[in-house]
Protein backbone atom coordinates (compact mmCIF):
# COMPACT_ATOMS: atom_id res chain seq x y z
CA MET A 1 138.13 93.56 160.80
CA ASN A 2 141.25 91.68 161.70
CA ALA A 3 141.60 88.05 163.31
CA ALA A 4 142.13 87.92 166.78
CA LEU A 5 145.75 88.04 168.08
CA GLY A 6 148.27 85.07 168.17
CA PRO A 7 150.31 83.34 166.18
CA LEU A 8 150.47 84.15 162.20
CA PRO A 9 149.05 81.61 159.94
CA ALA A 10 151.96 79.63 157.67
CA ILE A 11 152.33 80.88 153.98
CA VAL A 12 152.45 78.27 151.52
CA CYS A 13 153.88 77.59 148.21
CA GLY A 14 153.86 74.96 145.78
CA VAL A 15 156.47 74.07 143.18
CA ASP A 16 158.42 71.53 141.03
CA ASP A 17 161.81 71.90 139.46
CA GLY A 18 160.54 74.53 136.97
CA TYR A 19 159.54 77.01 139.80
CA ALA A 20 162.43 76.36 142.18
CA ARG A 21 164.42 79.62 141.52
CA PRO A 22 161.52 81.71 141.56
CA LEU A 23 160.44 80.43 145.03
CA ARG A 24 163.58 81.46 146.18
CA THR A 25 163.09 84.80 144.45
CA LEU A 26 160.24 85.34 146.43
CA MET A 27 161.35 84.13 149.89
CA ARG A 28 164.03 86.96 149.30
CA SER A 29 160.96 89.58 148.92
CA ILE A 30 159.29 88.00 151.66
CA VAL A 31 162.06 88.62 154.13
CA ALA A 32 162.77 92.68 152.86
CA ALA A 33 159.28 93.34 153.54
CA HIS A 34 159.21 92.25 156.99
CA PRO A 35 163.34 93.42 158.09
CA SER A 36 162.09 93.35 161.85
CA ALA A 37 159.40 90.77 162.00
CA ILE A 38 160.38 87.70 160.19
CA GLY A 39 160.96 85.72 163.12
CA GLU A 40 156.59 85.59 163.20
CA LEU A 41 156.43 84.11 159.22
CA ARG A 42 156.43 80.79 158.39
CA LEU A 43 157.00 78.97 155.27
CA ILE A 44 155.87 75.92 153.93
CA VAL A 45 156.27 74.78 150.91
CA LEU A 46 154.77 71.99 148.99
CA ASP A 47 157.31 69.66 147.18
CA GLN A 48 156.55 68.18 144.12
CA GLN A 49 159.27 66.01 142.91
CA ILE A 50 161.77 68.65 143.75
CA SER A 51 165.42 68.21 143.28
CA ALA A 52 167.58 67.34 146.04
CA THR A 53 170.14 70.38 144.45
CA ASN A 54 166.88 72.91 144.87
CA ARG A 55 165.48 71.63 147.81
CA LYS A 56 168.96 71.96 149.53
CA ALA A 57 169.49 75.87 148.01
CA ILE A 58 165.77 76.40 149.46
CA LEU A 59 166.80 75.31 152.72
CA HIS A 60 170.37 77.33 152.21
CA ASP A 61 168.63 80.49 151.70
CA ALA A 62 165.79 79.90 154.52
CA ASP A 63 168.62 79.27 157.42
CA ARG A 64 170.71 82.21 155.73
CA THR A 65 167.43 84.87 155.74
CA GLY A 66 166.33 83.56 159.08
CA LEU A 67 162.98 82.70 157.49
CA HIS A 68 161.54 79.40 158.77
CA THR A 69 160.60 76.91 156.23
CA GLU A 70 159.73 73.60 156.13
CA LEU A 71 159.59 70.66 152.73
CA ARG A 72 156.53 68.29 152.66
CA PRO A 73 156.06 65.92 149.97
CA ALA A 74 152.91 66.51 147.77
CA PRO A 75 151.22 64.16 145.29
CA LEU A 76 151.64 63.76 141.84
CA THR A 77 148.64 65.57 139.94
CA ASP A 78 145.99 63.28 138.85
CA PRO A 79 147.12 62.81 134.82
CA ARG A 80 143.41 63.15 134.04
CA TYR A 81 143.60 66.89 134.95
CA PRO A 82 144.20 69.44 132.18
CA VAL A 83 147.76 71.23 131.24
CA SER A 84 148.91 73.49 128.37
CA ASP A 85 152.57 74.42 127.06
CA TRP A 86 153.37 76.84 129.70
CA VAL A 87 151.65 75.24 132.54
CA SER A 88 153.17 71.39 134.17
CA GLY A 89 150.93 69.74 136.74
CA ALA A 90 152.62 71.60 139.71
CA VAL A 91 149.82 74.19 138.92
CA TYR A 92 146.96 71.90 140.75
CA VAL A 93 149.52 70.88 143.89
CA ARG A 94 147.48 73.82 146.11
CA LEU A 95 144.75 71.70 145.90
CA ALA A 96 146.16 68.85 148.20
CA ILE A 97 147.04 71.73 150.86
CA PRO A 98 144.17 69.94 153.24
CA GLU A 99 146.01 66.78 152.87
CA VAL A 100 149.69 67.73 153.01
CA ILE A 101 148.89 70.56 155.99
CA PRO A 102 146.12 68.83 158.37
CA ASP A 103 147.97 70.82 161.28
CA GLU A 104 147.25 74.27 160.31
CA ARG A 105 143.38 75.57 160.39
CA ARG A 106 144.18 78.78 158.36
CA VAL A 107 147.15 79.05 155.76
CA LEU A 108 148.12 82.34 152.79
CA TYR A 109 148.84 80.04 149.72
CA LEU A 110 151.34 82.30 147.34
CA ASP A 111 152.10 81.65 143.88
CA ALA A 112 155.35 81.08 143.18
CA ASP A 113 155.49 83.93 140.47
CA THR A 114 154.54 86.32 143.07
CA LEU A 115 156.93 88.92 145.24
CA VAL A 116 155.98 90.92 148.19
CA LEU A 117 156.20 94.36 148.39
CA GLY A 118 154.54 95.12 151.84
CA ASP A 119 154.22 93.81 155.21
CA LEU A 120 151.88 90.98 155.11
CA ARG A 121 150.98 90.42 158.57
CA PRO A 122 147.86 92.67 157.97
CA LEU A 123 146.42 90.01 155.44
CA LEU A 124 147.55 86.99 157.44
CA ARG A 125 145.35 88.83 160.09
CA GLN A 126 141.99 89.68 158.32
CA SER A 127 138.74 88.19 159.37
CA LEU A 128 136.78 85.62 156.41
CA ASP A 129 133.67 86.47 158.22
CA GLY A 130 132.76 83.04 157.87
CA HIS A 131 133.84 82.31 154.30
CA PRO A 132 136.18 79.39 153.38
CA ILE A 133 138.33 81.49 150.98
CA GLY A 134 139.96 85.41 150.92
CA ALA A 135 140.98 86.83 147.47
CA VAL A 136 141.12 89.13 144.93
CA ARG A 137 138.79 89.78 141.65
CA ASP A 138 140.75 88.48 138.78
CA PRO A 139 141.37 91.70 136.93
CA GLN A 140 141.55 90.08 132.97
CA ASN A 141 138.61 87.71 134.22
CA PRO A 142 136.63 89.53 136.83
CA VAL A 143 133.48 88.08 136.00
CA ILE A 144 131.77 84.92 134.84
CA GLY A 145 130.44 85.07 131.13
CA ARG A 146 132.27 88.27 129.65
CA GLY A 147 135.90 86.39 130.15
CA ILE A 148 137.22 83.21 128.88
CA GLN A 149 137.06 81.45 132.01
CA LEU A 150 135.13 78.76 133.00
CA PRO A 151 133.81 77.35 129.72
CA GLY A 152 130.34 75.87 129.57
CA TRP A 153 129.54 78.38 132.86
CA LYS A 154 126.00 78.02 131.61
CA GLY A 155 125.47 74.46 131.57
CA LEU A 156 127.32 73.82 135.13
CA GLY A 157 124.55 76.37 136.39
CA VAL A 158 126.75 79.22 137.21
CA PRO A 159 125.42 82.91 136.98
CA TYR A 160 126.08 84.89 134.22
CA GLY A 161 128.29 88.20 135.83
CA ARG A 162 129.45 86.49 139.16
CA ASP A 163 132.67 87.64 140.44
CA TYR A 164 135.42 85.24 139.79
CA PHE A 165 138.48 85.26 141.74
CA ASN A 166 142.97 84.54 140.89
CA SER A 167 143.82 81.46 142.85
CA GLY A 168 147.46 83.27 142.85
CA VAL A 169 146.68 84.30 146.51
CA MET A 170 144.06 83.06 148.36
CA LEU A 171 143.89 83.62 152.44
CA ILE A 172 142.23 79.51 153.04
CA ASP A 173 140.39 79.04 156.44
CA LEU A 174 141.18 75.29 156.21
CA ASP A 175 138.44 74.02 158.59
CA ARG A 176 135.89 75.84 156.78
CA CYS A 177 136.72 74.45 153.15
CA ARG A 178 136.85 70.92 154.94
CA GLN A 179 133.42 71.54 156.51
CA LEU A 180 132.13 72.42 152.83
CA GLY A 181 133.99 70.25 150.92
CA VAL A 182 135.88 72.81 148.74
CA PHE A 183 139.05 71.02 147.67
CA ASP A 184 137.18 68.05 147.46
CA ARG A 185 134.95 69.74 145.07
CA SER A 186 136.92 71.11 142.89
CA ARG A 187 139.45 67.87 142.49
CA GLN A 188 135.44 66.06 142.00
CA PHE A 189 135.34 69.06 139.20
CA LEU A 190 138.46 68.39 137.17
CA ALA A 191 138.32 64.93 137.14
CA GLU A 192 134.52 64.98 135.71
CA HIS A 193 134.44 68.34 133.34
CA PRO A 194 138.36 69.04 132.20
CA ASP A 195 136.73 69.97 128.80
CA LYS A 196 135.26 72.93 130.74
CA VAL A 197 138.69 74.11 132.45
CA ARG A 198 140.17 77.06 130.99
CA PHE A 199 142.21 78.40 134.09
CA TRP A 200 143.53 75.14 135.58
CA ASP A 201 142.31 74.88 139.77
CA GLN A 202 140.88 78.50 139.67
CA ASP A 203 137.76 77.23 137.45
CA ALA A 204 137.68 74.12 139.69
CA LEU A 205 137.66 76.38 142.85
CA ASN A 206 135.93 78.97 141.41
CA TRP A 207 133.04 76.44 140.71
CA ALA A 208 133.53 74.65 144.14
CA VAL A 209 133.43 77.73 146.22
CA ASP A 210 129.90 78.70 144.37
CA ASP A 211 130.59 82.64 145.22
CA ASN A 212 130.79 82.21 149.10
CA TRP A 213 134.31 83.87 149.20
CA GLN A 214 135.54 87.12 150.71
CA ARG A 215 136.67 89.75 149.09
CA LEU A 216 140.08 90.88 149.74
CA GLU A 217 141.96 94.37 148.20
CA ARG A 218 143.49 94.84 144.92
CA ARG A 219 146.68 95.45 146.82
CA TRP A 220 147.04 92.01 147.89
CA ASN A 221 147.06 90.40 144.65
CA THR A 222 147.82 93.02 141.89
CA PHE A 223 148.46 92.21 138.44
CA ALA A 224 152.03 93.21 136.57
CA MET A 225 149.70 95.06 134.38
CA SER A 226 152.29 97.44 132.76
CA SER A 227 154.35 94.65 132.00
CA GLN A 228 151.59 92.87 130.06
CA ALA A 229 150.64 96.00 128.68
CA ALA A 230 154.07 96.34 126.83
CA GLN A 231 153.76 93.16 124.68
CA PRO A 232 152.74 93.47 121.51
CA GLY A 233 149.51 93.08 120.30
CA PHE A 234 148.09 93.31 123.71
CA ILE A 235 144.06 94.17 124.19
CA HIS A 236 142.66 94.20 127.63
CA TYR A 237 139.34 93.08 127.19
CA ALA A 238 138.07 93.29 130.76
CA GLU A 239 138.06 97.25 130.40
CA ALA A 240 134.33 97.33 131.25
CA ASP A 241 134.25 95.58 134.47
CA SER A 242 138.24 96.41 135.24
CA PRO A 243 139.74 99.49 133.86
CA LEU A 244 143.48 99.09 132.50
CA ALA A 245 144.26 102.72 133.91
CA ARG A 246 142.87 101.71 137.24
CA LEU A 247 145.21 98.77 136.86
CA LEU A 248 148.16 100.20 136.15
CA GLN A 249 147.21 102.71 139.59
CA ASP A 250 147.13 99.25 141.54
CA GLU A 251 150.96 98.63 140.96
CA GLU A 252 151.81 102.10 142.70
CA THR A 253 150.28 101.13 145.95
CA ALA A 254 150.74 97.23 145.64
CA ALA A 255 151.58 94.76 148.55
CA LEU A 256 151.55 91.56 146.39
CA VAL A 257 152.72 92.02 142.83
CA HIS A 258 151.69 88.81 140.69
CA PHE A 259 153.29 87.90 137.43
CA ALA A 260 150.62 86.04 136.10
CA GLY A 261 150.32 84.34 132.49
CA PRO A 262 153.16 82.74 130.04
CA ASP A 263 155.68 85.55 130.22
CA LYS A 264 157.94 85.95 133.44
CA PRO A 265 159.90 88.91 134.60
CA TRP A 266 163.18 85.94 134.82
CA GLN A 267 162.95 85.05 131.16
CA ASP A 268 165.23 87.59 128.66
CA THR A 269 162.20 88.40 126.26
CA TYR A 270 160.43 89.96 129.42
CA PRO A 271 159.20 93.84 128.94
CA ALA A 272 161.90 96.31 130.60
CA GLY A 273 160.38 98.40 133.16
CA GLN A 274 159.80 99.21 137.14
CA LEU A 275 158.42 96.17 137.62
CA ARG A 276 160.65 93.81 136.08
CA ASP A 277 163.78 95.64 137.32
CA THR A 278 162.52 95.13 140.67
CA TYR A 279 161.86 91.54 140.12
CA ARG A 280 165.56 91.38 139.27
CA LEU A 281 166.52 92.85 142.32
CA PHE A 282 165.80 89.52 144.33
CA HIS A 283 166.32 87.54 141.79
CA ASP A 284 169.62 87.96 140.78
CA TYR A 285 170.83 87.98 144.67
CA VAL A 286 169.76 84.21 144.05
CA THR A 287 171.42 83.78 140.93
CA ASN A 288 174.48 85.43 142.43
CA GLY A 289 174.47 83.05 145.51
CA ASP A 290 174.06 80.00 143.44
CA ALA A 291 177.61 80.86 142.32
CA GLU A 292 178.71 81.47 146.03
């Protein structure tokens, strides 16, 4: 089940200035979840023109906590790729992982709006059984044709009912991805079919991987559904494939919580609740640290 013992793969995040502080919050949660093992972990940050002030703050946090952290310049996003009013071009920075990190064979990618609540080492060592990517089925758009992902899926030759993964947490075999051209195919898809993209890099990766991905346990990418369900007018459209009651139960055993969607726990309008309070324990530490 687990990959051979040895140095752990690096954790990778990609941010611009808009997500520099959430990245620091994530870093604090990684440290808190590994009190006696932080020396085993490495973080590589794909830096999409982060300001000097934010770079300094990230590296200061890394030095203070003992989390080995390296910033690497990442290319700007191709202007042909679609974005939205709450998602910037930085959402595509993960597609540059093979070019920016040529010296790693395997990495764990995490969105900056995730929070680590459990030991990541079992995930870092998990076998992918020859698949290029390991991920968790998206809880709100779990299958093609019964969600709003990949518009035009039929014309693209994607079969109805195929599982669809969320790209916010991905265990990536970079060697295998290079062999199969996964990231090249993703970028080609975005350039040629921008009108068939609803969820940015995630649509592109799901198309490029062509269902050749390892299903990970849901605890490795647990959506903050209790917070979303607390929003006025919330409707869970994926009830038939991904029951809301089960997703709410998943929060009790989550190792990685993902605050997906436009509403974020650092915003004043985010619904009160345990997940928001847990997130702000780490976020407020970062804020207080800025004032020191």
